[in-house]
Amino acid sequence: MARNGRLGTWLKMLAVGTVCCVGGPALVYYVQPTDEELFKRYNPELQKKSLDRRYERQKEFDDFVTRLKTDSKDDRHIWTVQEEARRKYREERLREDAKNAAEAKARQETLRKESGL
């Protein structure tokens, strides 16, 4: 008789576990709105802005994926390759900023000389 009680407990536990494991995700899937439903809930200004920026975001994502593909072809670890690319980009930006600052300073000097005459 004690075995039947344990078997019943195990069957109940198995049934409840199955309901939780299957029913929980099913409920989330049923309740979660789709992307289109969320988009329809936006106010018209946000809808327009989202549609306007869609091409830009898609292009940024495509560029990102392309960079990942090229970085992953290298034999080194991808984080190392990406860090080097970021470092090169920063150095390039610093050089460009220094060049722009020098040009601005030269323009200022030119304007001072012209205004002084």
PDB file of N, CA and C in Angstrom:
ATOM      1  N   MET A   1       0.829  -1.190   0.000  1.00  0.00           N
ATOM      2  CA  MET A   1       0.000   0.000   0.000  1.00  0.00           C
ATOM      3  C   MET A   1       0.869   1.248   0.000  1.00  0.00           C
ATOM      4  N   ALA A   2       1.986   1.210   0.674  1.00  0.00           N
ATOM      5  CA  ALA A   2       2.862   2.376   0.734  1.00  0.00           C
ATOM      6  C   ALA A   2       3.436   2.672  -0.639  1.00  0.00           C
ATOM      7  N   ARG A   3       3.603   1.637  -1.448  1.00  0.00           N
ATOM      8  CA  ARG A   3       4.134   1.846  -2.801  1.00  0.00           C
ATOM      9  C   ARG A   3       3.140   2.594  -3.667  1.00  0.00           C
ATOM     10  N   ASN A   4       1.884   2.291  -3.547  1.00  0.00           N
ATOM     11  CA  ASN A   4       0.865   2.973  -4.336  1.00  0.00           C
ATOM     12  C   ASN A   4       0.804   4.451  -3.985  1.00  0.00           C
ATOM     13  N   GLY A   5       0.991   4.792  -2.743  1.00  0.00           N
ATOM     14  CA  GLY A   5       1.005   6.196  -2.314  1.00  0.00           C
ATOM     15  C   GLY A   5       2.183   6.936  -2.917  1.00  0.00           C
ATOM     16  N   ARG A   6       3.335   6.287  -2.935  1.00  0.00           N
ATOM     17  CA  ARG A   6       4.509   6.912  -3.527  1.00  0.00           C
ATOM     18  C   ARG A   6       4.350   7.050  -5.040  1.00  0.00           C
ATOM     19  N   LEU A   7       3.784   6.060  -5.675  1.00  0.00           N
ATOM     20  CA  LEU A   7       3.573   6.106  -7.115  1.00  0.00           C
ATOM     21  C   LEU A   7       2.623   7.249  -7.473  1.00  0.00           C
ATOM     22  N   GLY A   8       1.592   7.411  -6.678  1.00  0.00           N
ATOM     23  CA  GLY A   8       0.645   8.511  -6.912  1.00  0.00           C
ATOM     24  C   GLY A   8       1.328   9.861  -6.749  1.00  0.00           C
ATOM     25  N   THR A   9       2.168   9.974  -5.746  1.00  0.00           N
ATOM     26  CA  THR A   9       2.898  11.228  -5.522  1.00  0.00           C
ATOM     27  C   THR A   9       3.821  11.519  -6.689  1.00  0.00           C
ATOM     28  N   TRP A  10       4.516  10.492  -7.158  1.00  0.00           N
ATOM     29  CA  TRP A  10       5.424  10.679  -8.295  1.00  0.00           C
ATOM     30  C   TRP A  10       4.651  11.072  -9.555  1.00  0.00           C
ATOM     31  N   LEU A  11       3.520  10.457  -9.781  1.00  0.00           N
ATOM     32  CA  LEU A  11       2.717  10.785 -10.964  1.00  0.00           C
ATOM     33  C   LEU A  11       2.187  12.217 -10.886  1.00  0.00           C
ATOM     34  N   LYS A  12       1.742  12.625  -9.708  1.00  0.00           N
ATOM     35  CA  LYS A  12       1.285  14.007  -9.530  1.00  0.00           C
ATOM     36  C   LYS A  12       2.430  14.989  -9.784  1.00  0.00           C
ATOM     37  N   MET A  13       3.604  14.689  -9.227  1.00  0.00           N
ATOM     38  CA  MET A  13       4.762  15.549  -9.398  1.00  0.00           C
ATOM     39  C   MET A  13       5.149  15.629 -10.879  1.00  0.00           C
ATOM     40  N   LEU A  14       5.106  14.508 -11.574  1.00  0.00           N
ATOM     41  CA  LEU A  14       5.420  14.474 -12.993  1.00  0.00           C
ATOM     42  C   LEU A  14       4.404  15.291 -13.795  1.00  0.00           C
ATOM     43  N   ALA A  15       3.138  15.185 -13.458  1.00  0.00           N
ATOM     44  CA  ALA A  15       2.089  15.934 -14.162  1.00  0.00           C
ATOM     45  C   ALA A  15       2.248  17.432 -13.929  1.00  0.00           C
ATOM     46  N   VAL A  16       2.480  17.823 -12.681  1.00  0.00           N
ATOM     47  CA  VAL A  16       2.653  19.246 -12.374  1.00  0.00           C
ATOM     48  C   VAL A  16       3.902  19.784 -13.056  1.00  0.00           C
ATOM     49  N   GLY A  17       4.987  19.028 -13.056  1.00  0.00           N
ATOM     50  CA  GLY A  17       6.203  19.463 -13.726  1.00  0.00           C
ATOM     51  C   GLY A  17       6.003  19.630 -15.218  1.00  0.00           C
ATOM     52  N   THR A  18       5.271  18.690 -15.825  1.00  0.00           N
ATOM     53  CA  THR A  18       4.987  18.788 -17.262  1.00  0.00           C
ATOM     54  C   THR A  18       4.137  20.016 -17.558  1.00  0.00           C
ATOM     55  N   VAL A  19       3.135  20.269 -16.744  1.00  0.00           N
ATOM     56  CA  VAL A  19       2.288  21.448 -16.940  1.00  0.00           C
ATOM     57  C   VAL A  19       3.121  22.723 -16.820  1.00  0.00           C
ATOM     58  N   CYS A  20       4.012  22.770 -15.850  1.00  0.00           N
ATOM     59  CA  CYS A  20       4.850  23.963 -15.675  1.00  0.00           C
ATOM     60  C   CYS A  20       5.830  24.126 -16.830  1.00  0.00           C
ATOM     61  N   CYS A  21       6.469  23.041 -17.248  1.00  0.00           N
ATOM     62  CA  CYS A  21       7.486  23.128 -18.301  1.00  0.00           C
ATOM     63  C   CYS A  21       6.889  23.400 -19.670  1.00  0.00           C
ATOM     64  N   VAL A  22       5.705  22.898 -19.928  1.00  0.00           N
ATOM     65  CA  VAL A  22       5.079  23.099 -21.235  1.00  0.00           C
ATOM     66  C   VAL A  22       4.130  24.290 -21.184  1.00  0.00           C
ATOM     67  N   GLY A  23       3.360  24.384 -20.134  1.00  0.00           N
ATOM     68  CA  GLY A  23       2.350  25.446 -20.037  1.00  0.00           C
ATOM     69  C   GLY A  23       2.937  26.829 -19.853  1.00  0.00           C
ATOM     70  N   GLY A  24       4.052  26.941 -19.128  1.00  0.00           N
ATOM     71  CA  GLY A  24       4.668  28.256 -18.906  1.00  0.00           C
ATOM     72  C   GLY A  24       5.110  28.916 -20.196  1.00  0.00           C
ATOM     73  N   PRO A  25       5.963  28.256 -20.986  1.00  0.00           N
ATOM     74  CA  PRO A  25       6.355  28.853 -22.263  1.00  0.00           C
ATOM     75  C   PRO A  25       5.174  29.058 -23.218  1.00  0.00           C
ATOM     76  N   ALA A  26       4.200  28.132 -23.196  1.00  0.00           N
ATOM     77  CA  ALA A  26       3.025  28.291 -24.057  1.00  0.00           C
ATOM     78  C   ALA A  26       2.247  29.546 -23.662  1.00  0.00           C
ATOM     79  N   LEU A  27       2.118  29.793 -22.364  1.00  0.00           N
ATOM     80  CA  LEU A  27       1.421  30.994 -21.896  1.00  0.00           C
ATOM     81  C   LEU A  27       2.172  32.253 -22.308  1.00  0.00           C
ATOM     82  N   VAL A  28       3.484  32.237 -22.166  1.00  0.00           N
ATOM     83  CA  VAL A  28       4.290  33.397 -22.573  1.00  0.00           C
ATOM     84  C   VAL A  28       4.137  33.639 -24.068  1.00  0.00           C
ATOM     85  N   TYR A  29       4.174  32.590 -24.870  1.00  0.00           N
ATOM     86  CA  TYR A  29       4.021  32.709 -26.316  1.00  0.00           C
ATOM     87  C   TYR A  29       2.649  33.287 -26.663  1.00  0.00           C
ATOM     88  N   TYR A  30       1.623  32.864 -25.939  1.00  0.00           N
ATOM     89  CA  TYR A  30       0.263  33.333 -26.191  1.00  0.00           C
ATOM     90  C   TYR A  30       0.080  34.791 -25.789  1.00  0.00           C
ATOM     91  N   VAL A  31       0.679  35.196 -24.684  1.00  0.00           N
ATOM     92  CA  VAL A  31       0.480  36.549 -24.144  1.00  0.00           C
ATOM     93  C   VAL A  31       1.383  37.583 -24.811  1.00  0.00           C
ATOM     94  N   GLN A  32       2.572  37.192 -25.247  1.00  0.00           N
ATOM     95  CA  GLN A  32       3.547  38.130 -25.799  1.00  0.00           C
ATOM     96  C   GLN A  32       3.063  38.701 -27.133  1.00  0.00           C
ATOM     97  N   PRO A  33       3.048  40.049 -27.276  1.00  0.00           N
ATOM     98  CA  PRO A  33       2.598  40.638 -28.535  1.00  0.00           C
ATOM     99  C   PRO A  33       3.651  40.482 -29.630  1.00  0.00           C
ATOM    100  N   THR A  34       3.197  40.471 -30.873  1.00  0.00           N
ATOM    101  CA  THR A  34       4.107  40.375 -32.004  1.00  0.00           C
ATOM    102  C   THR A  34       4.713  41.751 -32.288  1.00  0.00           C
ATOM    103  N   ASP A  35       5.718  41.785 -33.151  1.00  0.00           N
ATOM    104  CA  ASP A  35       6.344  43.055 -33.508  1.00  0.00           C
ATOM    105  C   ASP A  35       5.353  43.996 -34.177  1.00  0.00           C
ATOM    106  N   GLU A  36       4.481  43.452 -35.013  1.00  0.00           N
ATOM    107  CA  GLU A  36       3.492  44.292 -35.692  1.00  0.00           C
ATOM    108  C   GLU A  36       2.509  44.905 -34.693  1.00  0.00           C
ATOM    109  N   GLU A  37       2.080  44.127 -33.705  1.00  0.00           N
ATOM    110  CA  GLU A  37       1.162  44.649 -32.692  1.00  0.00           C
ATOM    111  C   GLU A  37       1.820  45.762 -31.883  1.00  0.00           C
ATOM    112  N   LEU A  38       3.091  45.581 -31.535  1.00  0.00           N
ATOM    113  CA  LEU A  38       3.804  46.634 -30.811  1.00  0.00           C
ATOM    114  C   LEU A  38       3.936  47.886 -31.663  1.00  0.00           C
ATOM    115  N   PHE A  39       4.249  47.712 -32.949  1.00  0.00           N
ATOM    116  CA  PHE A  39       4.414  48.843 -33.848  1.00  0.00           C
ATOM    117  C   PHE A  39       3.100  49.613 -33.989  1.00  0.00           C
ATOM    118  N   LYS A  40       1.979  48.915 -34.037  1.00  0.00           N
ATOM    119  CA  LYS A  40       0.678  49.577 -34.160  1.00  0.00           C
ATOM    120  C   LYS A  40       0.332  50.381 -32.907  1.00  0.00           C
ATOM    121  N   ARG A  41       0.890  49.996 -31.774  1.00  0.00           N
ATOM    122  CA  ARG A  41       0.622  50.720 -30.522  1.00  0.00           C
ATOM    123  C   ARG A  41       1.425  52.016 -30.411  1.00  0.00           C
ATOM    124  N   TYR A  42       2.485  52.176 -31.239  1.00  0.00           N
ATOM    125  CA  TYR A  42       3.263  53.419 -31.232  1.00  0.00           C
ATOM    126  C   TYR A  42       2.363  54.574 -31.637  1.00  0.00           C
ATOM    127  N   ASN A  43       2.712  55.769 -31.164  1.00  0.00           N
ATOM    128  CA  ASN A  43       2.004  56.925 -31.692  1.00  0.00           C
ATOM    129  C   ASN A  43       2.518  57.204 -33.101  1.00  0.00           C
ATOM    130  N   PRO A  44       1.767  57.941 -33.910  1.00  0.00           N
ATOM    131  CA  PRO A  44       2.142  58.126 -35.324  1.00  0.00           C
ATOM    132  C   PRO A  44       3.524  58.736 -35.530  1.00  0.00           C
ATOM    133  N   GLU A  45       3.956  59.626 -34.643  1.00  0.00           N
ATOM    134  CA  GLU A  45       5.286  60.231 -34.790  1.00  0.00           C
ATOM    135  C   GLU A  45       6.384  59.178 -34.644  1.00  0.00           C
ATOM    136  N   LEU A  46       6.245  58.313 -33.636  1.00  0.00           N
ATOM    137  CA  LEU A  46       7.238  57.260 -33.436  1.00  0.00           C
ATOM    138  C   LEU A  46       7.224  56.258 -34.587  1.00  0.00           C
ATOM    139  N   GLN A  47       6.042  55.964 -35.120  1.00  0.00           N
ATOM    140  CA  GLN A  47       5.962  55.060 -36.265  1.00  0.00           C
ATOM    141  C   GLN A  47       6.720  55.635 -37.448  1.00  0.00           C
ATOM    142  N   LYS A  48       6.504  56.932 -37.711  1.00  0.00           N
ATOM    143  CA  LYS A  48       7.170  57.574 -38.839  1.00  0.00           C
ATOM    144  C   LYS A  48       8.689  57.589 -38.631  1.00  0.00           C
ATOM    145  N   LYS A  49       9.118  57.946 -37.409  1.00  0.00           N
ATOM    146  CA  LYS A  49      10.549  57.993 -37.103  1.00  0.00           C
ATOM    147  C   LYS A  49      11.177  56.603 -37.232  1.00  0.00           C
ATOM    148  N   SER A  50      10.464  55.593 -36.778  1.00  0.00           N
ATOM    149  CA  SER A  50      10.972  54.227 -36.863  1.00  0.00           C
ATOM    150  C   SER A  50      11.096  53.790 -38.323  1.00  0.00           C
ATOM    151  N   LEU A  51      10.121  54.117 -39.125  1.00  0.00           N
ATOM    152  CA  LEU A  51      10.183  53.761 -40.542  1.00  0.00           C
ATOM    153  C   LEU A  51      11.302  54.516 -41.254  1.00  0.00           C
ATOM    154  N   ASP A  52      11.530  55.779 -40.867  1.00  0.00           N
ATOM    155  CA  ASP A  52      12.584  56.571 -41.489  1.00  0.00           C
ATOM    156  C   ASP A  52      13.968  56.017 -41.160  1.00  0.00           C
ATOM    157  N   ARG A  53      14.150  55.544 -39.944  1.00  0.00           N
ATOM    158  CA  ARG A  53      15.458  55.050 -39.515  1.00  0.00           C
ATOM    159  C   ARG A  53      15.686  53.578 -39.830  1.00  0.00           C
ATOM    160  N   ARG A  54      14.695  52.906 -40.372  1.00  0.00           N
ATOM    161  CA  ARG A  54      14.806  51.468 -40.633  1.00  0.00           C
ATOM    162  C   ARG A  54      15.974  51.147 -41.562  1.00  0.00           C
ATOM    163  N   TYR A  55      16.126  51.910 -42.641  1.00  0.00           N
ATOM    164  CA  TYR A  55      17.207  51.654 -43.601  1.00  0.00           C
ATOM    165  C   TYR A  55      18.571  51.857 -42.931  1.00  0.00           C
ATOM    166  N   GLU A  56      18.704  52.919 -42.133  1.00  0.00           N
ATOM    167  CA  GLU A  56      19.975  53.191 -41.453  1.00  0.00           C
ATOM    168  C   GLU A  56      20.337  52.063 -40.491  1.00  0.00           C
ATOM    169  N   ARG A  57      19.372  51.617 -39.706  1.00  0.00           N
ATOM    170  CA  ARG A  57      19.633  50.539 -38.752  1.00  0.00           C
ATOM    171  C   ARG A  57      19.992  49.243 -39.468  1.00  0.00           C
ATOM    172  N   GLN A  58      19.314  48.967 -40.586  1.00  0.00           N
ATOM    173  CA  GLN A  58      19.618  47.758 -41.342  1.00  0.00           C
ATOM    174  C   GLN A  58      21.033  47.827 -41.913  1.00  0.00           C
ATOM    175  N   LYS A  59      21.421  49.008 -42.399  1.00  0.00           N
ATOM    176  CA  LYS A  59      22.764  49.190 -42.956  1.00  0.00           C
ATOM    177  C   LYS A  59      23.814  49.034 -41.853  1.00  0.00           C
ATOM    178  N   GLU A  60      23.579  49.612 -40.669  1.00  0.00           N
ATOM    179  CA  GLU A  60      24.502  49.465 -39.549  1.00  0.00           C
ATOM    180  C   GLU A  60      24.660  47.988 -39.170  1.00  0.00           C
ATOM    181  N   PHE A  61      23.553  47.270 -39.131  1.00  0.00           N
ATOM    182  CA  PHE A  61      23.610  45.851 -38.784  1.00  0.00           C
ATOM    183  C   PHE A  61      24.385  45.067 -39.836  1.00  0.00           C
ATOM    184  N   ASP A  62      24.132  45.354 -41.105  1.00  0.00           N
ATOM    185  CA  ASP A  62      24.850  44.666 -42.175  1.00  0.00           C
ATOM    186  C   ASP A  62      26.349  44.948 -42.101  1.00  0.00           C
ATOM    187  N   ASP A  63      26.709  46.203 -41.817  1.00  0.00           N
ATOM    188  CA  ASP A  63      28.126  46.546 -41.665  1.00  0.00           C
ATOM    189  C   ASP A  63      28.754  45.786 -40.494  1.00  0.00           C
ATOM    190  N   PHE A  64      28.016  45.704 -39.400  1.00  0.00           N
ATOM    191  CA  PHE A  64      28.494  44.987 -38.220  1.00  0.00           C
ATOM    192  C   PHE A  64      28.744  43.512 -38.541  1.00  0.00           C
ATOM    193  N   VAL A  65      27.787  42.883 -39.225  1.00  0.00           N
ATOM    194  CA  VAL A  65      27.925  41.466 -39.570  1.00  0.00           C
ATOM    195  C   VAL A  65      29.097  41.274 -40.529  1.00  0.00           C
ATOM    196  N   THR A  66      29.262  42.195 -41.478  1.00  0.00           N
ATOM    197  CA  THR A  66      30.375  42.099 -42.417  1.00  0.00           C
ATOM    198  C   THR A  66      31.710  42.190 -41.687  1.00  0.00           C
ATOM    199  N   ARG A  67      31.811  43.135 -40.727  1.00  0.00           N
ATOM    200  CA  ARG A  67      33.043  43.254 -39.933  1.00  0.00           C
ATOM    201  C   ARG A  67      33.295  41.986 -39.131  1.00  0.00           C
ATOM    202  N   LEU A  68      32.236  41.419 -38.542  1.00  0.00           N
ATOM    203  CA  LEU A  68      32.405  40.179 -37.781  1.00  0.00           C
ATOM    204  C   LEU A  68      32.914  39.055 -38.670  1.00  0.00           C
ATOM    205  N   LYS A  69      32.380  38.970 -39.878  1.00  0.00           N
ATOM    206  CA  LYS A  69      32.822  37.903 -40.787  1.00  0.00           C
ATOM    207  C   LYS A  69      34.290  38.075 -41.154  1.00  0.00           C
ATOM    208  N   THR A  70      34.697  39.313 -41.449  1.00  0.00           N
ATOM    209  CA  THR A  70      36.097  39.528 -41.814  1.00  0.00           C
ATOM    210  C   THR A  70      37.010  39.314 -40.615  1.00  0.00           C
ATOM    211  N   ASP A  71      36.572  39.740 -39.427  1.00  0.00           N
ATOM    212  CA  ASP A  71      37.386  39.549 -38.226  1.00  0.00           C
ATOM    213  C   ASP A  71      37.514  38.073 -37.860  1.00  0.00           C
ATOM    214  N   SER A  72      36.469  37.311 -38.108  1.00  0.00           N
ATOM    215  CA  SER A  72      36.514  35.897 -37.725  1.00  0.00           C
ATOM    216  C   SER A  72      37.390  35.073 -38.663  1.00  0.00           C
ATOM    217  N   LYS A  73      37.719  35.595 -39.838  1.00  0.00           N
ATOM    218  CA  LYS A  73      38.589  34.862 -40.766  1.00  0.00           C
ATOM    219  C   LYS A  73      40.039  34.887 -40.316  1.00  0.00           C
ATOM    220  N   ASP A  74      40.387  35.826 -39.439  1.00  0.00           N
ATOM    221  CA  ASP A  74      41.754  35.916 -38.927  1.00  0.00           C
ATOM    222  C   ASP A  74      42.030  34.737 -38.004  1.00  0.00           C
ATOM    223  N   ASP A  75      43.292  34.317 -37.932  1.00  0.00           N
ATOM    224  CA  ASP A  75      43.659  33.178 -37.086  1.00  0.00           C
ATOM    225  C   ASP A  75      43.649  33.520 -35.604  1.00  0.00           C
ATOM    226  N   ARG A  76      43.778  34.803 -35.300  1.00  0.00           N
ATOM    227  CA  ARG A  76      43.810  35.214 -33.891  1.00  0.00           C
ATOM    228  C   ARG A  76      42.401  35.239 -33.315  1.00  0.00           C
ATOM    229  N   HIS A  77      42.336  35.426 -32.002  1.00  0.00           N
ATOM    230  CA  HIS A  77      41.059  35.495 -31.306  1.00  0.00           C
ATOM    231  C   HIS A  77      40.298  36.728 -31.771  1.00  0.00           C
ATOM    232  N   ILE A  78      38.973  36.604 -31.934  1.00  0.00           N
ATOM    233  CA  ILE A  78      38.175  37.692 -32.506  1.00  0.00           C
ATOM    234  C   ILE A  78      38.210  38.945 -31.633  1.00  0.00           C
ATOM    235  N   TRP A  79      38.283  38.780 -30.301  1.00  0.00           N
ATOM    236  CA  TRP A  79      38.315  39.955 -29.416  1.00  0.00           C
ATOM    237  C   TRP A  79      39.603  40.743 -29.629  1.00  0.00           C
ATOM    238  N   THR A  80      40.687  40.044 -29.870  1.00  0.00           N
ATOM    239  CA  THR A  80      41.966  40.707 -30.128  1.00  0.00           C
ATOM    240  C   THR A  80      41.904  41.494 -31.430  1.00  0.00           C
ATOM    241  N   VAL A  81      41.342  40.884 -32.448  1.00  0.00           N
ATOM    242  CA  VAL A  81      41.232  41.543 -33.749  1.00  0.00           C
ATOM    243  C   VAL A  81      40.346  42.786 -33.640  1.00  0.00           C
ATOM    244  N   GLN A  82      39.222  42.673 -32.940  1.00  0.00           N
ATOM    245  CA  GLN A  82      38.318  43.812 -32.786  1.00  0.00           C
ATOM    246  C   GLN A  82      38.958  44.918 -31.959  1.00  0.00           C
ATOM    247  N   GLU A  83      39.712  44.560 -30.929  1.00  0.00           N
ATOM    248  CA  GLU A  83      40.386  45.568 -30.109  1.00  0.00           C
ATOM    249  C   GLU A  83      41.417  46.327 -30.941  1.00  0.00           C
ATOM    250  N   GLU A  84      42.162  45.612 -31.779  1.00  0.00           N
ATOM    251  CA  GLU A  84      43.133  46.282 -32.648  1.00  0.00           C
ATOM    252  C   GLU A  84      42.437  47.211 -33.637  1.00  0.00           C
ATOM    253  N   ALA A  85      41.309  46.778 -34.173  1.00  0.00           N
ATOM    254  CA  ALA A  85      40.559  47.618 -35.108  1.00  0.00           C
ATOM    255  C   ALA A  85      40.060  48.877 -34.405  1.00  0.00           C
ATOM    256  N   ARG A  86      39.580  48.725 -33.161  1.00  0.00           N
ATOM    257  CA  ARG A  86      39.124  49.895 -32.388  1.00  0.00           C
ATOM    258  C   ARG A  86      40.291  50.842 -32.108  1.00  0.00           C
ATOM    259  N   ARG A  87      41.443  50.286 -31.768  1.00  0.00           N
ATOM    260  CA  ARG A  87      42.613  51.096 -31.483  1.00  0.00           C
ATOM    261  C   ARG A  87      43.039  51.873 -32.730  1.00  0.00           C
ATOM    262  N   LYS A  88      43.066  51.193 -33.875  1.00  0.00           N
ATOM    263  CA  LYS A  88      43.417  51.865 -35.127  1.00  0.00           C
ATOM    264  C   LYS A  88      42.424  52.977 -35.449  1.00  0.00           C
ATOM    265  N   TYR A  89      41.143  52.712 -35.217  1.00  0.00           N
ATOM    266  CA  TYR A  89      40.115  53.720 -35.482  1.00  0.00           C
ATOM    267  C   TYR A  89      40.318  54.939 -34.584  1.00  0.00           C
ATOM    268  N   ARG A  90      40.603  54.691 -33.287  1.00  0.00           N
ATOM    269  CA  ARG A  90      40.840  55.804 -32.354  1.00  0.00           C
ATOM    270  C   ARG A  90      42.055  56.617 -32.776  1.00  0.00           C
ATOM    271  N   GLU A  91      43.137  55.919 -33.143  1.00  0.00           N
ATOM    272  CA  GLU A  91      44.352  56.632 -33.577  1.00  0.00           C
ATOM    273  C   GLU A  91      44.073  57.456 -34.832  1.00  0.00           C
ATOM    274  N   GLU A  92      43.317  56.899 -35.740  1.00  0.00           N
ATOM    275  CA  GLU A  92      42.961  57.602 -36.967  1.00  0.00           C
ATOM    276  C   GLU A  92      42.146  58.855 -36.649  1.00  0.00           C
ATOM    277  N   ARG A  93      41.192  58.707 -35.730  1.00  0.00           N
ATOM    278  CA  ARG A  93      40.361  59.853 -35.325  1.00  0.00           C
ATOM    279  C   ARG A  93      41.224  60.925 -34.647  1.00  0.00           C
ATOM    280  N   LEU A  94      42.172  60.512 -33.800  1.00  0.00           N
ATOM    281  CA  LEU A  94      43.048  61.475 -33.136  1.00  0.00           C
ATOM    282  C   LEU A  94      43.898  62.229 -34.155  1.00  0.00           C
ATOM    283  N   ARG A  95      44.446  61.498 -35.132  1.00  0.00           N
ATOM    284  CA  ARG A  95      45.230  62.157 -36.180  1.00  0.00           C
ATOM    285  C   ARG A  95      44.367  63.148 -36.959  1.00  0.00           C
ATOM    286  N   GLU A  96      43.159  62.729 -37.284  1.00  0.00           N
ATOM    287  CA  GLU A  96      42.250  63.598 -38.032  1.00  0.00           C
ATOM    288  C   GLU A  96      41.881  64.836 -37.220  1.00  0.00           C
ATOM    289  N   ASP A  97      41.625  64.645 -35.917  1.00  0.00           N
ATOM    290  CA  ASP A  97      41.305  65.779 -35.048  1.00  0.00           C
ATOM    291  C   ASP A  97      42.492  66.728 -34.937  1.00  0.00           C
ATOM    292  N   ALA A  98      43.696  66.188 -34.814  1.00  0.00           N
ATOM    293  CA  ALA A  98      44.891  67.029 -34.733  1.00  0.00           C
ATOM    294  C   ALA A  98      45.084  67.806 -36.034  1.00  0.00           C
ATOM    295  N   LYS A  99      44.846  67.142 -37.150  1.00  0.00           N
ATOM    296  CA  LYS A  99      44.958  67.809 -38.443  1.00  0.00           C
ATOM    297  C   LYS A  99      43.933  68.936 -38.561  1.00  0.00           C
ATOM    298  N   ASN A 100      42.702  68.673 -38.153  1.00  0.00           N
ATOM    299  CA  ASN A 100      41.652  69.698 -38.190  1.00  0.00           C
ATOM    300  C   ASN A 100      41.987  70.864 -37.261  1.00  0.00           C
ATOM    301  N   ALA A 101      42.538  70.553 -36.089  1.00  0.00           N
ATOM    302  CA  ALA A 101      42.909  71.614 -35.155  1.00  0.00           C
ATOM    303  C   ALA A 101      44.028  72.469 -35.734  1.00  0.00           C
ATOM    304  N   ALA A 102      45.004  71.829 -36.391  1.00  0.00           N
ATOM    305  CA  ALA A 102      46.098  72.585 -37.008  1.00  0.00           C
ATOM    306  C   ALA A 102      45.570  73.477 -38.133  1.00  0.00           C
ATOM    307  N   GLU A 103      44.646  72.954 -38.928  1.00  0.00           N
ATOM    308  CA  GLU A 103      44.053  73.760 -39.999  1.00  0.00           C
ATOM    309  C   GLU A 103      43.269  74.933 -39.427  1.00  0.00           C
ATOM    310  N   ALA A 104      42.536  74.704 -38.354  1.00  0.00           N
ATOM    311  CA  ALA A 104      41.769  75.785 -37.730  1.00  0.00           C
ATOM    312  C   ALA A 104      42.712  76.848 -37.165  1.00  0.00           C
ATOM    313  N   LYS A 105      43.804  76.404 -36.558  1.00  0.00           N
ATOM    314  CA  LYS A 105      44.776  77.356 -36.018  1.00  0.00           C
ATOM    315  C   LYS A 105      45.407  78.161 -37.147  1.00  0.00           C
ATOM    316  N   ALA A 106      45.714  77.502 -38.269  1.00  0.00           N
ATOM    317  CA  ALA A 106      46.292  78.206 -39.417  1.00  0.00           C
ATOM    318  C   ALA A 106      45.291  79.226 -39.967  1.00  0.00           C
ATOM    319  N   ARG A 107      44.015  78.864 -40.019  1.00  0.00           N
ATOM    320  CA  ARG A 107      42.996  79.818 -40.478  1.00  0.00           C
ATOM    321  C   ARG A 107      42.907  81.017 -39.543  1.00  0.00           C
ATOM    322  N   GLN A 108      42.954  80.736 -38.233  1.00  0.00           N
ATOM    323  CA  GLN A 108      42.904  81.843 -37.277  1.00  0.00           C
ATOM    324  C   GLN A 108      44.089  82.770 -37.442  1.00  0.00           C
ATOM    325  N   GLU A 109      45.263  82.189 -37.612  1.00  0.00           N
ATOM    326  CA  GLU A 109      46.464  83.011 -37.823  1.00  0.00           C
ATOM    327  C   GLU A 109      46.337  83.853 -39.088  1.00  0.00           C
ATOM    328  N   THR A 110      45.799  83.246 -40.143  1.00  0.00           N
ATOM    329  CA  THR A 110      45.606  83.967 -41.396  1.00  0.00           C
ATOM    330  C   THR A 110      44.641  85.118 -41.199  1.00  0.00           C
ATOM    331  N   LEU A 111      43.555  84.881 -40.478  1.00  0.00           N
ATOM    332  CA  LEU A 111      42.580  85.942 -40.230  1.00  0.00           C
ATOM    333  C   LEU A 111      43.186  87.047 -39.370  1.00  0.00           C
ATOM    334  N   ARG A 112      43.999  86.686 -38.406  1.00  0.00           N
ATOM    335  CA  ARG A 112      44.647  87.706 -37.557  1.00  0.00           C
ATOM    336  C   ARG A 112      45.585  88.570 -38.377  1.00  0.00           C
ATOM    337  N   LYS A 113      46.351  87.926 -39.263  1.00  0.00           N
ATOM    338  CA  LYS A 113      47.296  88.685 -40.100  1.00  0.00           C
ATOM    339  C   LYS A 113      46.540  89.617 -41.040  1.00  0.00           C
ATOM    340  N   GLU A 114      45.439  89.105 -41.612  1.00  0.00           N
ATOM    341  CA  GLU A 114      44.658  89.927 -42.544  1.00  0.00           C
ATOM    342  C   GLU A 114      43.983  91.092 -41.833  1.00  0.00           C
ATOM    343  N   SER A 115      43.463  90.825 -40.627  1.00  0.00           N
ATOM    344  CA  SER A 115      42.772  91.891 -39.898  1.00  0.00           C
ATOM    345  C   SER A 115      43.761  92.909 -39.322  1.00  0.00           C
ATOM    346  N   GLY A 116      44.970  92.475 -39.070  1.00  0.00           N
ATOM    347  CA  GLY A 116      46.001  93.362 -38.535  1.00  0.00           C
ATOM    348  C   GLY A 116      46.533  94.322 -39.589  1.00  0.00           C
ATOM    349  N   LEU A 117      46.435  93.994 -40.859  1.00  0.00           N
ATOM    350  CA  LEU A 117      46.947  94.848 -41.922  1.00  0.00           C
ATOM    351  C   LEU A 117      46.042  95.953 -42.251  1.00  0.00           C
TER     352      LEU A 117
END
